[in-house]
Amino acid sequence: MCHPTTRRSFGASTTGALSGYALGRIALLMISVALAVTRLAVASEPREHWHLTVNLGGDYAGATSAGFNLADVSTLYALRMLPEGMKGVYWLGNGYNLECSWRLSDRQITDVITAIRDEPKFSGIYYISDEPHPAVCPDAPQRLAERTALIHSLDPRGSTFAIVLNGSGAPNEFAQLKDSVDYIGIDPYPCNIKNELTGCSYRALRERIDRALAAGIPSTRIVPVFQTFGQVCTSSGRKYSPYYRMPTVAETEMMLAIWDEKVPVKDRPFDMAYSWGKQPTLACPTLQMADGGSHPDLRSVYKSYFTNMKGTFAPR
C-alpha cells in the first residue's frame, strides 16, 4: 500500500499443462537456490541500523531529524540529491499487483542498475514490487524470482525487496512469495476506525508476523512496516471510505514492542515507516504531521526508538 497490474496460459492437453507447471516449479527452485547462494556470498561486516520512510516529497531534513536514514527514490537525480547520511532505496515500479506485468522492462531495469549500482548514496536495495498478488497473477512468484535473479546478475551486492500483504483473503502469499525476493516487508496496519475506542488489534499484528515466520521466512529477511498514518483527511477522490487511523503514542510503543519481540532488532535488515508524507487518496495524516500538535507526537517516539538501537548492529 505504499506505491500505487496475463495470466499463464495452459496447453490444450492435461499432460502439457502439468509439464509446464513442473518446469515452472523447477525453474523457481533453481532461482531460489541461486538467491540463497547470493545472499551468503554478499554478506559483509555488520552496519548501523537502517530506517526507511517513503513519500518524503523533499522533506529530508524532517525525516532525518526523526532518525530515518533511508528514503525511496525513483530517479538518478533524486538519488544524488539525498543529503549526507541518507541513502536511497530504489523504487523500480510496481508489478504483479493488479496488473500481471512489469512497469519496467528487463532492458530498462538493466539501464537503471548500470546507472545507480556504484552510486555512493545508493543503499543497494531495489524495491521491486508493492503487494504482489499470486491470486491475481499466478506467475507472480516466478516473475519476481526472475527479476531478482536479473538484478543479482547485474549487481551481486544488491538486494531485492517487496512488501507482501498475506491478508485474510490471500493467506498463502507468504509461502508463495518467500523465495522470490531477498527481503520481505510485512505491513499489518492494526489501527483503524473500528477499534478507536478499544485499541489497535495487537493480536492481528502478532498473527501476521507469526504467519510469515511459519511460512519459512526468517527474521533476518523480514522488514517490519510500521503504521504511521491514518485516512481521515484523505481526499474525496478516494474510492473507499476512510478506514485506517493514526495510532496514538501508547499504541505505537506497544506495536514497536511486539515487533521487537517477534523480529529482533539485531536480525532485521532494515525497518520501514509508512508513510512520511501524504498520499492524497491513501494516507493522511502521516508521520510528517505527527509532531504533537494536531496529531500525536509519533516523530519523537521514532526518534527515541531509533536512538536506543545505536550501539547494536544489523546484518547486511
Protein backbone atom coordinates (compact mmCIF):
# COMPACT_ATOMS: atom_id res chain seq x y z
CA MET A 1 0.00 0.00 0.00
CA CYS A 2 2.99 2.24 -0.32
CA HIS A 3 3.02 2.86 -4.05
CA PRO A 4 0.24 2.87 -6.38
CA THR A 5 -1.24 -4.90 -12.92
CA THR A 6 -1.54 -12.09 -18.39
CA ARG A 7 -2.12 -14.98 -16.51
CA ARG A 8 -0.13 -18.03 -17.56
CA SER A 9 -1.90 -19.88 -20.37
CA PHE A 10 -2.05 -23.66 -20.19
CA GLY A 11 -1.64 -26.12 -23.01
CA ALA A 12 -4.55 -27.92 -24.60
CA SER A 13 -3.67 -31.25 -23.03
CA THR A 14 -3.52 -32.08 -19.35
CA THR A 15 -0.04 -33.51 -19.83
CA GLY A 16 1.16 -30.31 -21.40
CA ALA A 17 -0.27 -28.25 -18.58
CA LEU A 18 1.33 -30.41 -15.93
CA SER A 19 4.66 -30.37 -17.72
CA GLY A 20 4.59 -26.60 -17.96
CA TYR A 21 3.73 -26.33 -14.30
CA ALA A 22 6.50 -28.75 -13.31
CA LEU A 23 9.07 -26.89 -15.39
CA GLY A 24 7.99 -23.63 -13.81
CA ARG A 25 8.39 -25.08 -10.32
CA ILE A 26 11.84 -26.45 -11.20
CA ALA A 27 12.88 -23.06 -12.56
CA LEU A 28 11.64 -21.32 -9.44
CA LEU A 29 13.52 -23.81 -7.25
CA MET A 30 16.73 -23.19 -9.16
CA ILE A 31 16.29 -19.43 -8.82
CA SER A 32 15.59 -19.85 -5.09
CA VAL A 33 18.83 -21.77 -4.63
CA ALA A 34 20.69 -19.07 -6.53
CA LEU A 35 19.17 -16.41 -4.28
CA ALA A 36 20.33 -18.23 -1.16
CA VAL A 37 23.85 -18.61 -2.51
CA THR A 38 23.98 -14.95 -3.49
CA ARG A 39 22.79 -13.81 -0.07
CA LEU A 40 25.61 -15.76 1.56
CA ALA A 41 28.17 -14.55 -0.95
CA VAL A 42 27.45 -10.86 -0.45
CA ALA A 43 27.28 -10.93 3.35
CA SER A 44 29.70 -8.48 4.90
CA GLU A 45 30.53 -6.68 8.12
CA PRO A 46 27.69 -5.50 10.39
CA ARG A 47 26.46 -1.95 9.94
CA GLU A 48 24.33 0.59 11.77
CA HIS A 49 20.59 0.08 11.57
CA TRP A 50 18.69 1.37 8.58
CA HIS A 51 15.30 3.04 8.81
CA LEU A 52 13.26 3.66 5.66
CA THR A 53 10.39 6.05 5.20
CA VAL A 54 8.61 6.89 1.95
CA ASN A 55 6.88 9.73 0.16
CA LEU A 56 9.22 12.38 1.56
CA GLY A 57 8.41 14.99 -1.05
CA GLY A 58 11.80 16.60 -0.46
CA ASP A 59 11.42 16.85 3.32
CA TYR A 60 14.74 15.16 4.02
CA ALA A 61 15.50 17.43 6.96
CA GLY A 62 12.31 16.43 8.75
CA ALA A 63 12.83 12.73 8.14
CA THR A 64 16.48 12.73 9.20
CA SER A 65 15.61 14.69 12.36
CA ALA A 66 13.30 11.82 13.31
CA GLY A 67 16.10 9.28 12.76
CA PHE A 68 15.40 7.99 9.27
CA ASN A 69 18.40 7.29 7.06
CA LEU A 70 16.78 5.61 4.04
CA ALA A 71 14.44 7.23 1.51
CA ASP A 72 12.64 5.89 -1.53
CA VAL A 73 13.83 7.33 -4.84
CA SER A 74 13.00 6.55 -8.45
CA THR A 75 15.47 8.65 -10.44
CA LEU A 76 19.24 9.01 -10.50
CA TYR A 77 18.82 12.73 -9.88
CA ALA A 78 16.76 12.15 -6.72
CA LEU A 79 19.34 9.64 -5.50
CA ARG A 80 22.18 12.11 -5.93
CA MET A 81 20.20 14.87 -4.21
CA LEU A 82 19.85 12.93 -0.95
CA PRO A 83 21.57 14.65 1.97
CA GLU A 84 24.69 13.25 3.59
CA GLY A 85 23.85 10.43 5.96
CA MET A 86 20.81 9.31 3.95
CA LYS A 87 20.81 6.58 1.31
CA GLY A 88 18.29 5.66 -1.33
CA VAL A 89 16.11 2.58 -1.73
CA TYR A 90 15.40 2.49 -5.45
CA TRP A 91 11.76 2.04 -6.48
CA LEU A 92 11.66 0.10 -9.74
CA GLY A 93 7.95 0.47 -10.35
CA ASN A 94 5.27 -2.00 -9.42
CA GLY A 95 4.40 -5.32 -11.00
CA TYR A 96 2.14 -8.35 -10.48
CA ASN A 97 -0.10 -6.44 -8.12
CA LEU A 98 -3.25 -5.54 -10.06
CA GLU A 99 -1.71 -5.98 -13.50
CA CYS A 100 0.22 -9.13 -14.36
CA SER A 101 3.22 -7.43 -15.91
CA TRP A 102 6.16 -5.21 -15.01
CA ARG A 103 6.03 -1.48 -15.44
CA LEU A 104 9.69 -1.51 -16.44
CA SER A 105 11.11 -3.96 -18.98
CA ASP A 106 14.25 -6.01 -18.37
CA ARG A 107 16.09 -3.64 -20.70
CA GLN A 108 15.00 -0.64 -18.67
CA ILE A 109 15.95 -2.39 -15.43
CA THR A 110 19.39 -3.12 -16.85
CA ASP A 111 19.88 0.54 -17.74
CA VAL A 112 18.77 1.71 -14.29
CA ILE A 113 21.01 -0.71 -12.40
CA THR A 114 24.01 0.09 -14.56
CA ALA A 115 23.49 3.76 -13.74
CA ILE A 116 22.96 3.52 -9.96
CA ARG A 117 24.76 0.44 -8.63
CA ASP A 118 28.01 2.25 -7.84
CA GLU A 119 26.46 5.50 -6.62
CA PRO A 120 27.72 6.29 -3.10
CA LYS A 121 24.24 7.26 -1.89
CA PHE A 122 22.60 4.03 -3.06
CA SER A 123 21.79 1.56 -0.29
CA GLY A 124 21.96 -1.47 -2.58
CA ILE A 125 18.25 -2.17 -2.01
CA TYR A 126 15.93 -2.46 -5.01
CA TYR A 127 12.22 -2.13 -4.19
CA ILE A 128 10.67 -4.23 -6.95
CA SER A 129 7.01 -4.76 -6.01
CA ASP A 130 4.43 -3.47 -3.58
CA GLU A 131 1.95 -6.16 -2.51
CA PRO A 132 2.11 -8.59 -5.46
CA HIS A 133 -0.85 -10.98 -5.53
CA PRO A 134 -0.45 -14.56 -6.81
CA ALA A 135 -4.24 -14.98 -6.68
CA VAL A 136 -4.49 -12.28 -9.35
CA CYS A 137 -1.26 -13.20 -11.14
CA PRO A 138 -0.44 -16.91 -10.65
CA ASP A 139 3.04 -16.47 -12.12
CA ALA A 140 3.95 -13.66 -9.70
CA PRO A 141 6.32 -15.79 -7.55
CA GLN A 142 8.32 -16.92 -10.59
CA ARG A 143 8.37 -13.47 -12.19
CA LEU A 144 9.62 -11.80 -9.00
CA ALA A 145 12.28 -14.50 -8.62
CA GLU A 146 13.38 -13.96 -12.21
CA ARG A 147 13.63 -10.23 -11.68
CA THR A 148 15.64 -10.79 -8.51
CA ALA A 149 17.99 -13.09 -10.42
CA LEU A 150 18.40 -10.44 -13.13
CA ILE A 151 19.22 -7.78 -10.54
CA HIS A 152 21.74 -10.06 -8.82
CA SER A 153 23.42 -10.78 -12.15
CA LEU A 154 23.88 -7.05 -12.72
CA ASP A 155 24.63 -6.08 -9.11
CA PRO A 156 25.82 -9.04 -6.99
CA ARG A 157 25.92 -6.80 -3.92
CA GLY A 158 22.31 -5.71 -4.37
CA SER A 159 19.21 -6.98 -2.58
CA THR A 160 15.60 -7.02 -3.70
CA PHE A 161 12.65 -6.01 -1.56
CA ALA A 162 8.89 -6.45 -1.85
CA ILE A 163 6.04 -5.90 0.56
CA VAL A 164 3.75 -8.93 0.85
CA LEU A 165 0.23 -8.46 2.22
CA ASN A 166 -0.85 -12.02 3.09
CA GLY A 167 -4.22 -10.73 4.31
CA SER A 168 -7.25 -12.79 5.27
CA GLY A 169 -8.33 -13.00 1.63
CA ALA A 170 -5.00 -14.46 0.50
CA PRO A 171 -3.44 -16.27 3.48
CA ASN A 172 -0.83 -18.17 1.44
CA GLU A 173 1.07 -15.24 -0.05
CA PHE A 174 3.99 -15.53 2.38
CA ALA A 175 4.50 -19.19 1.43
CA GLN A 176 4.11 -18.44 -2.27
CA LEU A 177 6.50 -15.49 -2.38
CA LYS A 178 9.04 -16.31 0.33
CA ASP A 179 11.74 -17.36 -2.15
CA SER A 180 11.10 -14.67 -4.74
CA VAL A 181 12.96 -11.73 -3.19
CA ASP A 182 15.71 -11.17 -0.64
CA TYR A 183 13.75 -9.06 1.85
CA ILE A 184 10.03 -9.27 2.55
CA GLY A 185 8.15 -6.39 4.12
CA ILE A 186 5.20 -7.22 6.35
CA ASP A 187 2.62 -4.47 6.60
CA PRO A 188 -0.18 -5.29 9.04
CA TYR A 189 -1.84 -1.99 9.89
CA PRO A 190 -3.79 -2.85 13.05
CA CYS A 191 -5.18 0.59 13.90
CA ASN A 192 -8.49 1.50 12.27
CA ILE A 193 -11.60 3.49 12.96
CA LYS A 194 -13.43 0.39 14.23
CA ASN A 195 -11.02 -0.05 17.15
CA GLU A 196 -10.55 3.59 18.07
CA LEU A 197 -12.14 3.02 21.48
CA THR A 198 -10.84 -0.50 22.15
CA GLY A 199 -7.29 -0.01 20.84
CA CYS A 200 -5.34 -1.33 17.87
CA SER A 201 -5.59 -5.05 17.11
CA TYR A 202 -2.29 -6.26 18.55
CA ARG A 203 -3.49 -9.82 18.10
CA ALA A 204 -3.75 -9.27 14.33
CA LEU A 205 -0.24 -7.81 14.30
CA ARG A 206 1.20 -10.81 16.15
CA GLU A 207 -0.66 -13.28 13.96
CA ARG A 208 0.55 -11.71 10.72
CA ILE A 209 4.18 -11.83 11.84
CA ASP A 210 3.77 -15.41 13.09
CA ARG A 211 2.38 -16.46 9.70
CA ALA A 212 5.45 -15.10 7.95
CA LEU A 213 7.79 -16.93 10.32
CA ALA A 214 5.74 -20.14 10.00
CA ALA A 215 5.95 -19.86 6.20
CA GLY A 216 9.73 -20.17 6.48
CA ILE A 217 10.74 -16.52 6.24
CA PRO A 218 13.50 -15.98 8.84
CA SER A 219 13.62 -12.81 10.90
CA THR A 220 16.82 -11.87 9.08
CA ARG A 221 14.78 -11.35 5.91
CA ILE A 222 11.73 -9.67 7.43
CA VAL A 223 11.29 -5.90 7.15
CA PRO A 224 8.82 -4.54 9.71
CA VAL A 225 6.50 -1.96 8.18
CA PHE A 226 5.21 0.40 10.86
CA GLN A 227 1.82 2.09 10.65
CA THR A 228 2.34 5.84 10.85
CA PHE A 229 -0.74 7.07 9.00
CA GLY A 230 -4.49 7.40 9.06
CA GLN A 231 -7.06 8.26 6.42
CA VAL A 232 -9.36 10.83 7.98
CA CYS A 233 -8.03 13.68 5.85
CA THR A 234 -7.56 11.83 2.57
CA SER A 235 -9.13 13.47 -0.47
CA SER A 236 -12.65 12.97 -1.72
CA GLY A 237 -11.17 11.36 -4.83
CA ARG A 238 -10.57 8.10 -2.97
CA LYS A 239 -12.62 5.06 -3.99
CA TYR A 240 -13.45 3.95 -0.45
CA SER A 241 -14.42 5.33 2.92
CA PRO A 242 -11.58 6.16 5.34
CA TYR A 243 -10.65 3.06 7.32
CA TYR A 244 -7.22 3.39 8.93
CA ARG A 245 -6.50 5.82 11.74
CA MET A 246 -3.31 7.31 13.13
CA PRO A 247 -2.07 5.33 16.16
CA THR A 248 -1.61 7.06 19.49
CA VAL A 249 1.77 7.30 21.20
CA ALA A 250 0.90 4.43 23.57
CA GLU A 251 -0.36 2.27 20.72
CA THR A 252 2.79 2.94 18.71
CA GLU A 253 5.00 1.96 21.63
CA MET A 254 3.07 -1.28 22.05
CA MET A 255 3.37 -2.14 18.34
CA LEU A 256 7.10 -1.47 18.38
CA ALA A 257 7.47 -3.75 21.41
CA ILE A 258 5.65 -6.55 19.56
CA TRP A 259 7.89 -6.10 16.53
CA ASP A 260 10.98 -6.22 18.76
CA GLU A 261 9.75 -9.46 20.30
CA LYS A 262 8.92 -11.17 17.02
CA VAL A 263 11.63 -9.71 14.74
CA PRO A 264 14.56 -8.70 16.97
CA VAL A 265 16.37 -5.50 16.11
CA LYS A 266 19.64 -7.38 15.71
CA ASP A 267 18.11 -9.57 12.99
CA ARG A 268 16.12 -7.27 10.75
CA PRO A 269 17.81 -5.95 7.60
CA PHE A 270 16.02 -2.61 7.99
CA ASP A 271 12.63 -1.31 9.04
CA MET A 272 10.13 0.96 7.33
CA ALA A 273 7.52 3.53 8.30
CA TYR A 274 4.54 4.16 6.05
CA SER A 275 4.21 6.99 5.42
CA TRP A 276 6.24 10.16 5.99
CA GLY A 277 4.36 12.35 3.54
CA LYS A 278 0.77 12.38 2.42
CA GLN A 279 -0.68 10.34 -0.42
CA PRO A 280 -3.90 12.13 -1.31
CA THR A 281 -6.19 9.09 -1.59
CA LEU A 282 -4.30 6.70 0.70
CA ALA A 283 -2.61 8.37 3.65
CA CYS A 284 -3.44 11.50 5.63
CA PRO A 285 -2.47 12.28 8.37
CA THR A 286 1.07 10.89 8.24
CA LEU A 287 4.24 10.90 10.28
CA GLN A 288 5.31 14.23 8.84
CA MET A 289 2.25 15.77 10.53
CA ALA A 290 2.57 13.80 13.79
CA ASP A 291 4.57 16.35 15.79
CA GLY A 292 2.39 16.70 18.88
CA GLY A 293 0.24 19.50 17.51
CA SER A 294 -2.95 18.32 15.85
CA HIS A 295 -1.71 14.73 15.90
CA PRO A 296 0.19 12.52 18.38
CA ASP A 297 3.93 13.16 18.62
CA LEU A 298 4.99 10.00 16.87
CA ARG A 299 8.07 11.68 15.45
CA SER A 300 9.57 11.84 18.93
CA VAL A 301 8.60 8.21 19.56
CA TYR A 302 10.50 7.04 16.50
CA LYS A 303 13.47 9.30 17.15
CA SER A 304 13.82 7.79 20.63
CA TYR A 305 13.24 4.25 19.33
CA PHE A 306 15.95 4.58 16.70
CA THR A 307 18.36 6.28 19.09
CA ASN A 308 18.06 3.38 21.51
CA MET A 309 19.17 1.00 18.75
CA LYS A 310 22.56 2.67 18.41
CA GLY A 311 25.40 0.58 19.69
CA THR A 312 23.83 -2.60 18.33
CA PHE A 313 24.43 -3.69 14.78
CA ALA A 314 22.34 -5.12 11.98
CA PRO A 315 23.45 -7.74 9.44
CA ARG A 316 23.96 -6.79 5.83
